[in-house]
C-alpha atoms as a PDB file:
ATOM      1  CA  MET A   1      33.651  -8.909  33.924  1.00  0.00           C
ATOM      2  CA  ALA A   2      31.731  -5.598  33.688  1.00  0.00           C
ATOM      3  CA  SER A   3      32.694  -5.115  30.040  1.00  0.00           C
ATOM      4  CA  GLU A   4      31.515  -8.653  29.303  1.00  0.00           C
ATOM      5  CA  THR A   5      28.110  -7.884  30.878  1.00  0.00           C
ATOM      6  CA  ILE A   6      27.778  -4.661  28.892  1.00  0.00           C
ATOM      7  CA  GLU A   7      28.599  -6.469  25.639  1.00  0.00           C
ATOM      8  CA  ASN A   8      26.018  -9.180  26.381  1.00  0.00           C
ATOM      9  CA  CYS A   9      23.311  -6.615  27.179  1.00  0.00           C
ATOM     10  CA  SER A  10      23.990  -4.492  24.128  1.00  0.00           C
ATOM     11  CA  SER A  11      24.102  -7.444  21.752  1.00  0.00           C
ATOM     12  CA  HIS A  12      20.629  -8.644  22.804  1.00  0.00           C
ATOM     13  CA  ASP A  13      18.890  -5.270  23.156  1.00  0.00           C
ATOM     14  CA  PRO A  14      17.099  -4.375  19.898  1.00  0.00           C
ATOM     15  CA  LEU A  15      16.920  -0.705  20.899  1.00  0.00           C
ATOM     16  CA  LEU A  16      20.703  -0.476  20.931  1.00  0.00           C
ATOM     17  CA  ASP A  17      21.168  -2.343  17.663  1.00  0.00           C
ATOM     18  CA  ILE A  18      21.463   0.337  14.982  1.00  0.00           C
ATOM     19  CA  ASP A  19      21.107  -1.980  11.986  1.00  0.00           C
ATOM     20  CA  SER A  20      17.811  -3.485  13.135  1.00  0.00           C
ATOM     21  CA  SER A  21      16.280  -0.058  13.833  1.00  0.00           C
ATOM     22  CA  ASP A  22      17.230   1.162  10.356  1.00  0.00           C
ATOM     23  CA  SER A  23      15.567  -1.786   8.671  1.00  0.00           C
ATOM     24  CA  SER A  24      12.444  -1.512  10.830  1.00  0.00           C
ATOM     25  CA  SER A  25      12.157   2.224  10.136  1.00  0.00           C
ATOM     26  CA  GLY A  26      12.405   1.468   6.414  1.00  0.00           C
ATOM     27  CA  VAL A  27       9.502  -0.939   6.770  1.00  0.00           C
ATOM     28  CA  LYS A  28       7.535   1.635   8.749  1.00  0.00           C
ATOM     29  CA  ILE A  29       8.158   4.284   6.092  1.00  0.00           C
ATOM     30  CA  ASP A  30       6.972   1.883   3.398  1.00  0.00           C
ATOM     31  CA  GLU A  31       3.854   1.099   5.406  1.00  0.00           C
ATOM     32  CA  TYR A  32       3.226   4.815   5.933  1.00  0.00           C
ATOM     33  CA  LEU A  33       3.558   5.524   2.209  1.00  0.00           C
ATOM     34  CA  GLU A  34       1.263   2.622   1.383  1.00  0.00           C
ATOM     35  CA  LEU A  35      -1.305   3.933   3.867  1.00  0.00           C
ATOM     36  CA  GLN A  36      -1.081   7.390   2.295  1.00  0.00           C
ATOM     37  CA  PHE A  37      -1.701   6.024  -1.183  1.00  0.00           C
ATOM     38  CA  ARG A  38      -4.687   3.991   0.011  1.00  0.00           C
ATOM     39  CA  VAL A  39      -6.198   7.076   1.633  1.00  0.00           C
ATOM     40  CA  PHE A  40      -5.533   9.120  -1.532  1.00  0.00           C
ATOM     41  CA  ARG A  41      -7.230   6.505  -3.694  1.00  0.00           C
ATOM     42  CA  LEU A  42     -10.215   6.357  -1.379  1.00  0.00           C
ATOM     43  CA  ALA A  43     -10.413  10.156  -1.287  1.00  0.00           C
ATOM     44  CA  PHE A  44     -10.392  10.264  -5.096  1.00  0.00           C
ATOM     45  CA  LEU A  45     -13.158   7.647  -5.224  1.00  0.00           C
ATOM     46  CA  LEU A  46     -15.239   9.621  -2.721  1.00  0.00           C
ATOM     47  CA  THR A  47     -14.590  12.755  -4.772  1.00  0.00           C
ATOM     48  CA  ILE A  48     -15.797  11.138  -7.993  1.00  0.00           C
ATOM     49  CA  PHE A  49     -18.866   9.725  -6.227  1.00  0.00           C
ATOM     50  CA  SER A  50     -19.780  13.015  -4.534  1.00  0.00           C
ATOM     51  CA  VAL A  51     -19.208  15.086  -7.695  1.00  0.00           C
ATOM     52  CA  GLY A  52     -21.521  12.736  -9.598  1.00  0.00           C
ATOM     53  CA  ILE A  53     -24.208  12.908  -6.919  1.00  0.00           C
ATOM     54  CA  ALA A  54     -23.913  16.712  -6.656  1.00  0.00           C
ATOM     55  CA  GLY A  55     -24.059  17.074 -10.441  1.00  0.00           C
ATOM     56  CA  PHE A  56     -27.194  14.967 -10.588  1.00  0.00           C
ATOM     57  CA  PHE A  57     -29.056  16.668  -7.732  1.00  0.00           C
ATOM     58  CA  TRP A  58     -27.720  20.250  -7.567  1.00  0.00           C
ATOM     59  CA  GLY A  59     -26.167  21.001 -10.950  1.00  0.00           C
ATOM     60  CA  ILE A  60     -22.811  21.623 -12.493  1.00  0.00           C
ATOM     61  CA  GLN A  61     -21.894  24.642 -10.357  1.00  0.00           C
ATOM     62  CA  ALA A  62     -22.187  22.727  -7.078  1.00  0.00           C
ATOM     63  CA  SER A  63     -20.353  19.724  -8.473  1.00  0.00           C
ATOM     64  CA  ALA A  64     -17.520  21.924  -9.777  1.00  0.00           C
ATOM     65  CA  SER A  65     -17.271  23.570  -6.361  1.00  0.00           C
ATOM     66  CA  ILE A  66     -17.119  20.193  -4.645  1.00  0.00           C
ATOM     67  CA  PHE A  67     -14.486  19.031  -7.115  1.00  0.00           C
ATOM     68  CA  ILE A  68     -12.265  22.098  -6.560  1.00  0.00           C
ATOM     69  CA  GLY A  69     -12.719  21.780  -2.806  1.00  0.00           C
ATOM     70  CA  ALA A  70     -11.921  18.058  -2.852  1.00  0.00           C
ATOM     71  CA  LEU A  71      -8.762  18.597  -4.874  1.00  0.00           C
ATOM     72  CA  SER A  72      -7.622  21.268  -2.457  1.00  0.00           C
ATOM     73  CA  GLY A  73      -8.437  18.956   0.471  1.00  0.00           C
ATOM     74  CA  ILE A  74      -6.362  16.164  -1.053  1.00  0.00           C
ATOM     75  CA  PHE A  75      -3.536  18.641  -1.661  1.00  0.00           C
ATOM     76  CA  TYR A  76      -3.835  19.791   1.970  1.00  0.00           C
ATOM     77  CA  PHE A  77      -3.702  16.196   3.180  1.00  0.00           C
ATOM     78  CA  ARG A  78      -0.653  15.526   0.984  1.00  0.00           C
ATOM     79  CA  LEU A  79       1.197  18.530   2.436  1.00  0.00           C
ATOM     80  CA  LEU A  80       0.257  17.463   5.951  1.00  0.00           C
ATOM     81  CA  ALA A  81       1.360  13.862   5.346  1.00  0.00           C
ATOM     82  CA  ARG A  82       4.659  15.039   3.876  1.00  0.00           C
ATOM     83  CA  GLY A  83       5.265  17.232   6.931  1.00  0.00           C
ATOM     84  CA  ILE A  84       4.480  14.353   9.266  1.00  0.00           C
ATOM     85  CA  GLY A  85       6.762  12.067   7.260  1.00  0.00           C
ATOM     86  CA  LYS A  86       9.647  14.486   7.803  1.00  0.00           C
ATOM     87  CA  LEU A  87       9.161  14.543  11.569  1.00  0.00           C
ATOM     88  CA  GLY A  88      12.168  13.204  13.369  1.00  0.00           C
ATOM     89  CA  THR A  89      14.382  13.009  10.295  1.00  0.00           C
ATOM     90  CA  SER A  90      14.813  16.566   9.065  1.00  0.00           C
ATOM     91  CA  SER A  91      12.220  18.475  11.060  1.00  0.00           C
ATOM     92  CA  LYS A  92      11.127  18.733  14.660  1.00  0.00           C
ATOM     93  CA  ILE A  93       7.778  20.425  14.008  1.00  0.00           C
ATOM     94  CA  VAL A  94       5.078  20.167  11.371  1.00  0.00           C
ATOM     95  CA  GLY A  95       5.113  23.167   9.051  1.00  0.00           C
ATOM     96  CA  LYS A  96       2.239  25.560   8.695  1.00  0.00           C
ATOM     97  CA  VAL A  97       2.326  25.896   4.904  1.00  0.00           C
ATOM     98  CA  GLN A  98      -0.630  23.544   4.494  1.00  0.00           C
ATOM     99  CA  LEU A  99      -2.819  26.020   6.381  1.00  0.00           C
ATOM    100  CA  LEU A 100      -2.692  28.297   3.337  1.00  0.00           C
ATOM    101  CA  VAL A 101      -4.708  25.790   1.303  1.00  0.00           C
ATOM    102  CA  PRO A 102      -8.101  26.341   3.002  1.00  0.00           C
ATOM    103  CA  VAL A 103      -7.473  30.093   3.112  1.00  0.00           C
ATOM    104  CA  LEU A 104      -6.776  30.125  -0.622  1.00  0.00           C
ATOM    105  CA  LEU A 105      -9.861  27.979  -1.230  1.00  0.00           C
ATOM    106  CA  VAL A 106     -12.070  30.487   0.583  1.00  0.00           C
ATOM    107  CA  LEU A 107     -10.451  33.398  -1.266  1.00  0.00           C
ATOM    108  CA  VAL A 108     -10.812  31.734  -4.671  1.00  0.00           C
ATOM    109  CA  SER A 109     -14.409  30.698  -4.058  1.00  0.00           C
ATOM    110  CA  SER A 110     -15.334  34.198  -2.920  1.00  0.00           C
ATOM    111  CA  ARG A 111     -13.518  35.766  -5.871  1.00  0.00           C
ATOM    112  CA  PHE A 112     -15.095  33.659  -8.599  1.00  0.00           C
ATOM    113  CA  PRO A 113     -18.905  33.627  -8.816  1.00  0.00           C
ATOM    114  CA  GLN A 114     -18.818  30.214 -10.536  1.00  0.00           C
ATOM    115  CA  LEU A 115     -17.745  28.573  -7.261  1.00  0.00           C
ATOM    116  CA  ASP A 116     -19.957  28.211  -4.210  1.00  0.00           C
ATOM    117  CA  LEU A 117     -18.294  28.411  -0.819  1.00  0.00           C
ATOM    118  CA  ILE A 118     -20.299  25.782   1.093  1.00  0.00           C
ATOM    119  CA  PRO A 119     -19.934  22.970  -1.493  1.00  0.00           C
ATOM    120  CA  ALA A 120     -16.237  23.845  -1.856  1.00  0.00           C
ATOM    121  CA  LEU A 121     -15.722  23.533   1.896  1.00  0.00           C
ATOM    122  CA  LEU A 122     -17.672  20.272   1.963  1.00  0.00           C
ATOM    123  CA  GLY A 123     -15.474  19.003  -0.845  1.00  0.00           C
ATOM    124  CA  PHE A 124     -12.397  20.114   1.095  1.00  0.00           C
ATOM    125  CA  LEU A 125     -13.472  17.922   4.005  1.00  0.00           C
ATOM    126  CA  LEU A 126     -13.870  14.773   1.870  1.00  0.00           C
ATOM    127  CA  TYR A 127     -10.415  13.531   2.841  1.00  0.00           C
ATOM    128  CA  LYS A 128     -11.660  13.057   6.420  1.00  0.00           C
ATOM    129  CA  PRO A 129     -14.281  10.376   5.605  1.00  0.00           C
ATOM    130  CA  ALA A 130     -11.601   8.689   3.506  1.00  0.00           C
ATOM    131  CA  LEU A 131      -9.363   8.561   6.577  1.00  0.00           C
ATOM    132  CA  ILE A 132     -12.153   7.241   8.772  1.00  0.00           C
ATOM    133  CA  ILE A 133     -13.150   4.555   6.272  1.00  0.00           C
ATOM    134  CA  GLN A 134      -9.526   3.537   5.789  1.00  0.00           C
ATOM    135  CA  PHE A 135      -8.944   3.093   9.500  1.00  0.00           C
ATOM    136  CA  LEU A 136     -12.190   1.174   9.919  1.00  0.00           C
ATOM    137  CA  LEU A 137     -11.095  -1.212   7.153  1.00  0.00           C
ATOM    138  CA  MET A 138      -7.622  -1.770   8.586  1.00  0.00           C
ATOM    139  CA  PRO A 139      -7.069  -5.088  10.371  1.00  0.00           C
END
């Protein structure tokens, strides 16, 4: 009688059903990848818009700095998203490699006189408005 009760409980509990959790995690991974690509597209659109505005108002040097900063910000976000995607499957913590990206951006912008530090850092932060806009647009 006890084994019959255990079988009935385990057959109706979705947490104990391995096949259903695998298929739902596959759907969640697909949704996560789709969300990443939407944020990347929006970040690229914001980058193009802000580089155009900066080029019009402040010149080519500021727009190039924003562009380099925005590309490094998108690269930083990609590394962070990849680390978060690995959580639970092959990693238990998020790596710290992505923290090198802003450090390298500051070093490169201080090394080359063609790049300005403040516009580069503002460009680096362009992925954040893309995230905010994306989550405001989500149903």
